[in-house]
Amino acid sequence: MAERLVFSPVPDGCLVQEHKVQFQWFPGFSLSQKQRSIESLHRAAEADLGGPILEVSTKSPRRRGRRLSAFNLCVPLNGRRILLEAAFQGSKVFEGCDGPGESLYPLSSGREVKRLMRPYAASPLKEFRWNGAKWDLEPKTAFYDWLYLQALRDLTSADPDVDEWLREYEVFTDIEFNHKKSLNCQARSCALYAALLRREGRDWLDRVSDPDEFLGMLDERGYGAPDQEIPSATRPSSLLGGSTASSTA
């Protein structure tokens, strides 16, 4: 039996509600095994939370979910478009060293970014630096969430249909995200975007491009507070069994 967090947009509340879901895990690294686990996770989540549900990762069975992966989205920066995973990892500043920094920005492969970050896996994180600005480590997921929102705004500016179908989904998942090992999650950030979109539309999203306004909004809405998470519910026995840093996208 495995456990994952799944994320629901809450436009009029804390913006994102986290739910613990237990489900049958299908071990193995193949795409088919990952998608069997996704199907199992979605069945378990739908039993309690309803749907529709979108898996946000490169393993998603739907093209929509794959497009929203941090390995596919890009963040605009001074006329360039930086792979989201490269933007996030390259912005890390560690205690005693700066990390690879902007040398990651030209990379187009999320897996290559991950490979180059392995030597820093045990290094304590000090802060983030992006486009000349410093981001503190608190609130814990704020910088990743903000980057993700900028990347998704960039995508939807080119393809407005994305906003329309994002409104359809009530739950977002990322099969690779394990909340016991990682902190940032693309499915959580996607749920945050969906909540803001439903709250006031794109005008709201344009306003939170300013980091100070974004951080103020998080504080005002109580985003990331301990009561954001609710306990797991009892699952039907037929759904049980089996065995960021950001996620592996």
C-alpha atoms as a PDB file:
ATOM      1  CA  MET A   1       0.000   0.000   0.000  1.00  0.00           C
ATOM      2  CA  ALA A   2       1.303   3.453  -0.947  1.00  0.00           C
ATOM      3  CA  GLU A   3       0.254   6.923   0.117  1.00  0.00           C
ATOM      4  CA  ARG A   4       0.279  10.153  -1.852  1.00  0.00           C
ATOM      5  CA  LEU A   5      -0.989  13.677  -1.381  1.00  0.00           C
ATOM      6  CA  VAL A   6      -3.504  14.929  -3.934  1.00  0.00           C
ATOM      7  CA  PHE A   7      -4.552  18.564  -4.300  1.00  0.00           C
ATOM      8  CA  SER A   8      -7.907  20.319  -4.748  1.00  0.00           C
ATOM      9  CA  PRO A   9      -8.380  23.994  -5.742  1.00  0.00           C
ATOM     10  CA  VAL A  10     -10.286  25.968  -3.069  1.00  0.00           C
ATOM     11  CA  PRO A  11     -10.858  29.452  -4.563  1.00  0.00           C
ATOM     12  CA  ASP A  12     -12.784  30.829  -1.584  1.00  0.00           C
ATOM     13  CA  GLY A  13     -10.676  29.227   1.144  1.00  0.00           C
ATOM     14  CA  CYS A  14      -6.994  28.428   1.638  1.00  0.00           C
ATOM     15  CA  LEU A  15      -6.613  28.094  -2.177  1.00  0.00           C
ATOM     16  CA  VAL A  16      -5.332  24.487  -2.070  1.00  0.00           C
ATOM     17  CA  GLN A  17      -6.565  21.591   0.060  1.00  0.00           C
ATOM     18  CA  GLU A  18      -4.272  18.585   0.505  1.00  0.00           C
ATOM     19  CA  HIS A  19      -5.683  15.077   0.912  1.00  0.00           C
ATOM     20  CA  LYS A  20      -3.820  11.895   1.827  1.00  0.00           C
ATOM     21  CA  VAL A  21      -4.819   8.963  -0.367  1.00  0.00           C
ATOM     22  CA  GLN A  22      -3.844   5.316   0.069  1.00  0.00           C
ATOM     23  CA  PHE A  23      -3.824   3.152  -3.037  1.00  0.00           C
ATOM     24  CA  GLN A  24      -2.306   0.067  -4.644  1.00  0.00           C
ATOM     25  CA  TRP A  25       1.215   0.677  -5.928  1.00  0.00           C
ATOM     26  CA  PHE A  26       2.582  -1.161  -8.966  1.00  0.00           C
ATOM     27  CA  PRO A  27       6.405  -1.307  -8.632  1.00  0.00           C
ATOM     28  CA  GLY A  28       8.694  -0.819 -11.609  1.00  0.00           C
ATOM     29  CA  PHE A  29      10.129   2.044 -13.627  1.00  0.00           C
ATOM     30  CA  SER A  30       8.327   1.439 -16.921  1.00  0.00           C
ATOM     31  CA  LEU A  31       5.729   3.903 -18.156  1.00  0.00           C
ATOM     32  CA  SER A  32       3.074   1.181 -18.103  1.00  0.00           C
ATOM     33  CA  GLN A  33       3.689   0.474 -14.414  1.00  0.00           C
ATOM     34  CA  LYS A  34       3.626   4.173 -13.557  1.00  0.00           C
ATOM     35  CA  GLN A  35       0.323   4.573 -15.357  1.00  0.00           C
ATOM     36  CA  ARG A  36      -1.160   1.551 -13.560  1.00  0.00           C
ATOM     37  CA  SER A  37      -0.256   3.267 -10.282  1.00  0.00           C
ATOM     38  CA  ILE A  38      -1.797   6.531 -11.532  1.00  0.00           C
ATOM     39  CA  GLU A  39      -5.017   4.724 -12.406  1.00  0.00           C
ATOM     40  CA  SER A  40      -5.081   3.127  -8.950  1.00  0.00           C
ATOM     41  CA  LEU A  41      -4.423   6.471  -7.253  1.00  0.00           C
ATOM     42  CA  HIS A  42      -7.192   8.147  -9.230  1.00  0.00           C
ATOM     43  CA  ARG A  43      -9.711   5.422  -8.405  1.00  0.00           C
ATOM     44  CA  ALA A  44      -8.961   5.813  -4.707  1.00  0.00           C
ATOM     45  CA  ALA A  45      -9.075   9.623  -4.828  1.00  0.00           C
ATOM     46  CA  GLU A  46     -12.288   9.691  -6.849  1.00  0.00           C
ATOM     47  CA  ALA A  47     -14.014   7.413  -4.323  1.00  0.00           C
ATOM     48  CA  ASP A  48     -13.641  10.127  -1.661  1.00  0.00           C
ATOM     49  CA  LEU A  49     -13.230  13.382  -3.531  1.00  0.00           C
ATOM     50  CA  GLY A  50     -14.982  12.945  -6.848  1.00  0.00           C
ATOM     51  CA  GLY A  51     -13.465  14.189 -10.049  1.00  0.00           C
ATOM     52  CA  PRO A  52     -12.423  14.837 -12.702  1.00  0.00           C
ATOM     53  CA  ILE A  53      -8.758  14.283 -11.821  1.00  0.00           C
ATOM     54  CA  LEU A  54      -5.633  15.233 -13.782  1.00  0.00           C
ATOM     55  CA  GLU A  55      -2.186  13.682 -13.334  1.00  0.00           C
ATOM     56  CA  VAL A  56       0.427  16.439 -13.751  1.00  0.00           C
ATOM     57  CA  SER A  57       3.704  14.790 -14.781  1.00  0.00           C
ATOM     58  CA  THR A  58       5.560  13.342 -17.748  1.00  0.00           C
ATOM     59  CA  LYS A  59       3.959   9.993 -16.773  1.00  0.00           C
ATOM     60  CA  SER A  60       0.424  11.308 -17.227  1.00  0.00           C
ATOM     61  CA  PRO A  61      -1.751   9.261 -19.594  1.00  0.00           C
ATOM     62  CA  ARG A  62      -3.181  12.539 -20.866  1.00  0.00           C
ATOM     63  CA  ARG A  63      -1.273  15.013 -23.042  1.00  0.00           C
ATOM     64  CA  ARG A  64      -2.737  17.815 -20.952  1.00  0.00           C
ATOM     65  CA  GLY A  65      -0.994  16.562 -17.841  1.00  0.00           C
ATOM     66  CA  ARG A  66       2.306  16.035 -19.641  1.00  0.00           C
ATOM     67  CA  ARG A  67       2.240  19.614 -20.941  1.00  0.00           C
ATOM     68  CA  LEU A  68       2.024  20.877 -17.344  1.00  0.00           C
ATOM     69  CA  SER A  69       5.128  19.031 -16.149  1.00  0.00           C
ATOM     70  CA  ALA A  70       8.093  21.058 -14.877  1.00  0.00           C
ATOM     71  CA  PHE A  71      10.122  19.143 -17.471  1.00  0.00           C
ATOM     72  CA  ASN A  72       8.024  20.730 -20.246  1.00  0.00           C
ATOM     73  CA  LEU A  73       6.923  24.172 -19.022  1.00  0.00           C
ATOM     74  CA  CYS A  74       9.168  27.218 -19.468  1.00  0.00           C
ATOM     75  CA  VAL A  75       9.537  30.424 -17.449  1.00  0.00           C
ATOM     76  CA  PRO A  76      10.027  33.707 -19.379  1.00  0.00           C
ATOM     77  CA  LEU A  77      13.156  35.652 -18.409  1.00  0.00           C
ATOM     78  CA  ASN A  78      14.365  38.780 -20.224  1.00  0.00           C
ATOM     79  CA  GLY A  79      13.276  37.576 -23.649  1.00  0.00           C
ATOM     80  CA  ARG A  80      14.363  33.960 -23.036  1.00  0.00           C
ATOM     81  CA  ARG A  81      12.303  30.955 -22.033  1.00  0.00           C
ATOM     82  CA  ILE A  82      13.951  28.820 -19.314  1.00  0.00           C
ATOM     83  CA  LEU A  83      12.853  25.250 -18.627  1.00  0.00           C
ATOM     84  CA  LEU A  84      10.965  25.387 -15.320  1.00  0.00           C
ATOM     85  CA  GLU A  85      13.082  22.651 -13.729  1.00  0.00           C
ATOM     86  CA  ALA A  86      16.258  24.456 -14.795  1.00  0.00           C
ATOM     87  CA  ALA A  87      14.916  27.767 -13.482  1.00  0.00           C
ATOM     88  CA  PHE A  88      14.097  26.284 -10.088  1.00  0.00           C
ATOM     89  CA  GLN A  89      17.258  24.243  -9.599  1.00  0.00           C
ATOM     90  CA  GLY A  90      19.506  26.973 -11.015  1.00  0.00           C
ATOM     91  CA  SER A  91      18.084  29.482  -8.553  1.00  0.00           C
ATOM     92  CA  LYS A  92      19.219  27.489  -5.510  1.00  0.00           C
ATOM     93  CA  VAL A  93      21.943  29.003  -3.352  1.00  0.00           C
ATOM     94  CA  PHE A  94      23.545  26.678  -0.814  1.00  0.00           C
ATOM     95  CA  GLU A  95      25.361  27.277   2.446  1.00  0.00           C
ATOM     96  CA  GLY A  96      29.031  27.688   1.536  1.00  0.00           C
ATOM     97  CA  CYS A  97      28.528  27.670  -2.250  1.00  0.00           C
ATOM     98  CA  ASP A  98      26.296  29.157  -4.918  1.00  0.00           C
ATOM     99  CA  GLY A  99      25.484  25.955  -6.816  1.00  0.00           C
ATOM    100  CA  PRO A 100      25.467  25.649 -10.618  1.00  0.00           C
ATOM    101  CA  GLY A 101      23.260  28.731 -10.929  1.00  0.00           C
ATOM    102  CA  GLU A 102      22.491  30.164 -14.340  1.00  0.00           C
ATOM    103  CA  SER A 103      24.679  27.590 -16.080  1.00  0.00           C
ATOM    104  CA  LEU A 104      21.575  25.370 -15.936  1.00  0.00           C
ATOM    105  CA  TYR A 105      19.332  27.867 -17.714  1.00  0.00           C
ATOM    106  CA  PRO A 106      20.229  26.875 -21.305  1.00  0.00           C
ATOM    107  CA  LEU A 107      19.385  23.197 -20.634  1.00  0.00           C
ATOM    108  CA  SER A 108      16.288  21.714 -22.253  1.00  0.00           C
ATOM    109  CA  SER A 109      16.324  18.359 -20.470  1.00  0.00           C
ATOM    110  CA  GLY A 110      14.908  18.081 -16.972  1.00  0.00           C
ATOM    111  CA  ARG A 111      16.778  14.834 -16.430  1.00  0.00           C
ATOM    112  CA  GLU A 112      20.081  16.515 -17.287  1.00  0.00           C
ATOM    113  CA  VAL A 113      19.257  19.249 -14.771  1.00  0.00           C
ATOM    114  CA  LYS A 114      18.629  16.603 -12.111  1.00  0.00           C
ATOM    115  CA  ARG A 115      21.917  14.861 -12.955  1.00  0.00           C
ATOM    116  CA  LEU A 116      23.916  18.060 -12.551  1.00  0.00           C
ATOM    117  CA  MET A 117      22.255  18.773  -9.191  1.00  0.00           C
ATOM    118  CA  ARG A 118      23.198  15.411  -7.631  1.00  0.00           C
ATOM    119  CA  PRO A 119      26.498  16.673  -6.121  1.00  0.00           C
ATOM    120  CA  TYR A 120      24.478  19.209  -4.111  1.00  0.00           C
ATOM    121  CA  ALA A 121      21.910  16.747  -2.743  1.00  0.00           C
ATOM    122  CA  ALA A 122      23.282  16.906   0.814  1.00  0.00           C
ATOM    123  CA  SER A 123      24.108  20.639   0.807  1.00  0.00           C
ATOM    124  CA  PRO A 124      21.955  22.833   3.090  1.00  0.00           C
ATOM    125  CA  LEU A 125      19.855  25.287   1.106  1.00  0.00           C
ATOM    126  CA  LYS A 126      20.325  28.972   1.998  1.00  0.00           C
ATOM    127  CA  GLU A 127      17.982  30.870  -0.358  1.00  0.00           C
ATOM    128  CA  PHE A 128      16.837  31.270  -3.959  1.00  0.00           C
ATOM    129  CA  ARG A 129      17.976  33.950  -6.417  1.00  0.00           C
ATOM    130  CA  TRP A 130      16.013  34.691  -9.571  1.00  0.00           C
ATOM    131  CA  ASN A 131      16.412  37.624 -11.953  1.00  0.00           C
ATOM    132  CA  GLY A 132      18.403  39.606  -9.388  1.00  0.00           C
ATOM    133  CA  ALA A 133      15.913  39.077  -6.554  1.00  0.00           C
ATOM    134  CA  LYS A 134      16.410  37.002  -3.409  1.00  0.00           C
ATOM    135  CA  TRP A 135      13.706  34.619  -2.152  1.00  0.00           C
ATOM    136  CA  ASP A 136      13.746  33.322   1.414  1.00  0.00           C
ATOM    137  CA  LEU A 137      12.999  29.680   2.227  1.00  0.00           C
ATOM    138  CA  GLU A 138       9.733  30.665   3.940  1.00  0.00           C
ATOM    139  CA  PRO A 139       6.916  30.251   3.037  1.00  0.00           C
ATOM    140  CA  LYS A 140       8.246  26.825   2.168  1.00  0.00           C
ATOM    141  CA  THR A 141       6.846  26.261  -1.345  1.00  0.00           C
ATOM    142  CA  ALA A 142       6.323  29.912  -2.298  1.00  0.00           C
ATOM    143  CA  PHE A 143       9.207  30.307  -4.751  1.00  0.00           C
ATOM    144  CA  TYR A 144       8.465  27.073  -6.624  1.00  0.00           C
ATOM    145  CA  ASP A 145       4.740  27.935  -6.730  1.00  0.00           C
ATOM    146  CA  TRP A 146       5.490  31.420  -8.048  1.00  0.00           C
ATOM    147  CA  LEU A 147       7.806  30.094 -10.774  1.00  0.00           C
ATOM    148  CA  TYR A 148       5.200  27.519 -11.769  1.00  0.00           C
ATOM    149  CA  LEU A 149       2.510  30.195 -12.036  1.00  0.00           C
ATOM    150  CA  GLN A 150       4.758  32.309 -14.273  1.00  0.00           C
ATOM    151  CA  ALA A 151       5.423  29.301 -16.513  1.00  0.00           C
ATOM    152  CA  LEU A 152       1.732  28.420 -16.747  1.00  0.00           C
ATOM    153  CA  ARG A 153       0.806  32.037 -17.487  1.00  0.00           C
ATOM    154  CA  ASP A 154       3.360  31.937 -20.305  1.00  0.00           C
ATOM    155  CA  LEU A 155       1.782  28.769 -21.716  1.00  0.00           C
ATOM    156  CA  THR A 156      -1.788  30.032 -21.470  1.00  0.00           C
ATOM    157  CA  SER A 157      -0.885  33.341 -23.093  1.00  0.00           C
ATOM    158  CA  ALA A 158       0.048  31.345 -26.189  1.00  0.00           C
ATOM    159  CA  ASP A 159      -2.780  28.817 -25.810  1.00  0.00           C
ATOM    160  CA  PRO A 160      -5.858  30.250 -23.993  1.00  0.00           C
ATOM    161  CA  ASP A 161      -7.628  26.887 -24.264  1.00  0.00           C
ATOM    162  CA  VAL A 162      -5.430  25.646 -21.389  1.00  0.00           C
ATOM    163  CA  ASP A 163      -7.253  27.954 -18.973  1.00  0.00           C
ATOM    164  CA  GLU A 164     -10.593  26.618 -20.159  1.00  0.00           C
ATOM    165  CA  TRP A 165      -9.812  22.951 -19.608  1.00  0.00           C
ATOM    166  CA  LEU A 166      -7.977  23.599 -16.345  1.00  0.00           C
ATOM    167  CA  ARG A 167     -11.291  24.820 -14.928  1.00  0.00           C
ATOM    168  CA  GLU A 168     -12.712  21.319 -15.467  1.00  0.00           C
ATOM    169  CA  TYR A 169     -10.513  19.535 -12.915  1.00  0.00           C
ATOM    170  CA  GLU A 170     -11.286  19.191  -9.213  1.00  0.00           C
ATOM    171  CA  VAL A 171      -8.187  17.215  -8.179  1.00  0.00           C
ATOM    172  CA  PHE A 172      -4.540  17.252  -9.337  1.00  0.00           C
ATOM    173  CA  THR A 173      -1.984  14.478  -8.722  1.00  0.00           C
ATOM    174  CA  ASP A 174       1.719  13.771  -9.309  1.00  0.00           C
ATOM    175  CA  ILE A 175       2.570  10.088  -9.013  1.00  0.00           C
ATOM    176  CA  GLU A 176       6.291  10.837  -8.556  1.00  0.00           C
ATOM    177  CA  PHE A 177       5.801  13.210  -5.610  1.00  0.00           C
ATOM    178  CA  ASN A 178       6.365  11.629  -2.196  1.00  0.00           C
ATOM    179  CA  HIS A 179       5.591  14.134   0.556  1.00  0.00           C
ATOM    180  CA  LYS A 180       7.798  12.186   2.977  1.00  0.00           C
ATOM    181  CA  LYS A 181      10.863  12.869   0.824  1.00  0.00           C
ATOM    182  CA  SER A 182      10.148  16.066  -1.141  1.00  0.00           C
ATOM    183  CA  LEU A 183       8.596  19.458  -0.563  1.00  0.00           C
ATOM    184  CA  ASN A 184       7.650  21.144  -3.833  1.00  0.00           C
ATOM    185  CA  CYS A 185       5.055  19.562  -6.106  1.00  0.00           C
ATOM    186  CA  GLN A 186       3.890  20.544  -9.566  1.00  0.00           C
ATOM    187  CA  ALA A 187       0.383  19.170  -8.874  1.00  0.00           C
ATOM    188  CA  ARG A 188       0.020  21.461  -5.833  1.00  0.00           C
ATOM    189  CA  SER A 189       1.220  24.446  -7.855  1.00  0.00           C
ATOM    190  CA  CYS A 190      -1.190  23.559 -10.652  1.00  0.00           C
ATOM    191  CA  ALA A 191      -4.066  23.406  -8.150  1.00  0.00           C
ATOM    192  CA  LEU A 192      -3.016  26.846  -6.872  1.00  0.00           C
ATOM    193  CA  TYR A 193      -3.142  28.236 -10.420  1.00  0.00           C
ATOM    194  CA  ALA A 194      -6.592  26.687 -10.933  1.00  0.00           C
ATOM    195  CA  ALA A 195      -7.857  28.209  -7.662  1.00  0.00           C
ATOM    196  CA  LEU A 196      -6.618  31.700  -8.579  1.00  0.00           C
ATOM    197  CA  LEU A 197      -8.036  31.370 -12.085  1.00  0.00           C
ATOM    198  CA  ARG A 198     -11.469  30.465 -10.688  1.00  0.00           C
ATOM    199  CA  ARG A 199     -11.319  33.186  -8.050  1.00  0.00           C
ATOM    200  CA  GLU A 200     -10.929  36.225 -10.294  1.00  0.00           C
ATOM    201  CA  GLY A 201      -9.710  35.072 -13.703  1.00  0.00           C
ATOM    202  CA  ARG A 202      -6.540  36.109 -15.472  1.00  0.00           C
ATOM    203  CA  ASP A 203      -6.568  39.607 -13.949  1.00  0.00           C
ATOM    204  CA  TRP A 204      -5.751  38.006 -10.594  1.00  0.00           C
ATOM    205  CA  LEU A 205      -2.986  35.938 -12.134  1.00  0.00           C
ATOM    206  CA  ASP A 206      -1.467  39.018 -13.727  1.00  0.00           C
ATOM    207  CA  ARG A 207      -1.340  40.745 -10.337  1.00  0.00           C
ATOM    208  CA  VAL A 208       0.511  37.909  -8.615  1.00  0.00           C
ATOM    209  CA  SER A 209       3.349  38.180 -11.116  1.00  0.00           C
ATOM    210  CA  ASP A 210       4.683  40.664  -8.562  1.00  0.00           C
ATOM    211  CA  PRO A 211       6.458  38.598  -5.859  1.00  0.00           C
ATOM    212  CA  ASP A 212       5.463  40.903  -2.994  1.00  0.00           C
ATOM    213  CA  GLU A 213       1.796  40.826  -3.964  1.00  0.00           C
ATOM    214  CA  PHE A 214       1.983  37.071  -4.404  1.00  0.00           C
ATOM    215  CA  LEU A 215       3.478  36.540  -0.931  1.00  0.00           C
ATOM    216  CA  GLY A 216       0.886  38.865   0.574  1.00  0.00           C
ATOM    217  CA  MET A 217      -1.901  36.876  -1.062  1.00  0.00           C
ATOM    218  CA  LEU A 218      -0.538  33.600   0.313  1.00  0.00           C
ATOM    219  CA  ASP A 219      -0.417  35.055   3.808  1.00  0.00           C
ATOM    220  CA  GLU A 220      -3.908  36.543   3.556  1.00  0.00           C
ATOM    221  CA  ARG A 221      -5.493  33.294   2.387  1.00  0.00           C
ATOM    222  CA  GLY A 222      -3.603  31.059   4.837  1.00  0.00           C
ATOM    223  CA  TYR A 223      -2.022  29.068   2.029  1.00  0.00           C
ATOM    224  CA  GLY A 224       0.354  26.412   3.350  1.00  0.00           C
ATOM    225  CA  ALA A 225      -0.983  26.521   6.915  1.00  0.00           C
ATOM    226  CA  PRO A 226      -1.051  23.216   8.875  1.00  0.00           C
ATOM    227  CA  ASP A 227      -4.843  22.909   8.569  1.00  0.00           C
ATOM    228  CA  GLN A 228      -4.490  22.932   4.776  1.00  0.00           C
ATOM    229  CA  GLU A 229      -4.050  19.154   5.012  1.00  0.00           C
ATOM    230  CA  ILE A 230      -6.875  16.809   6.006  1.00  0.00           C
ATOM    231  CA  PRO A 231      -6.468  13.202   7.210  1.00  0.00           C
ATOM    232  CA  SER A 232      -6.793  10.269   4.881  1.00  0.00           C
ATOM    233  CA  ALA A 233     -10.129   8.500   4.857  1.00  0.00           C
ATOM    234  CA  THR A 234     -10.783   4.786   4.961  1.00  0.00           C
ATOM    235  CA  ARG A 235     -10.451   3.245   1.499  1.00  0.00           C
ATOM    236  CA  PRO A 236     -12.336   0.301   0.084  1.00  0.00           C
ATOM    237  CA  SER A 237     -10.241  -2.823   0.593  1.00  0.00           C
ATOM    238  CA  SER A 238     -10.255  -3.545  -3.137  1.00  0.00           C
ATOM    239  CA  LEU A 239      -8.122  -0.434  -3.696  1.00  0.00           C
ATOM    240  CA  LEU A 240      -5.426  -1.299  -1.178  1.00  0.00           C
ATOM    241  CA  GLY A 241      -2.265  -3.354  -1.490  1.00  0.00           C
ATOM    242  CA  GLY A 242       1.240  -3.121  -2.947  1.00  0.00           C
ATOM    243  CA  SER A 243       3.972  -1.350  -1.710  1.00  0.00           C
ATOM    244  CA  THR A 244      10.345  18.067  -5.486  1.00  0.00           C
ATOM    245  CA  ALA A 245      13.441  19.130  -3.820  1.00  0.00           C
ATOM    246  CA  SER A 246      10.775  19.001  -6.539  1.00  0.00           C
ATOM    247  CA  SER A 247       9.358  15.807  -7.878  1.00  0.00           C
ATOM    248  CA  THR A 248      10.892  13.995 -10.826  1.00  0.00           C
ATOM    249  CA  ALA A 249       8.221  15.567 -13.036  1.00  0.00           C
END
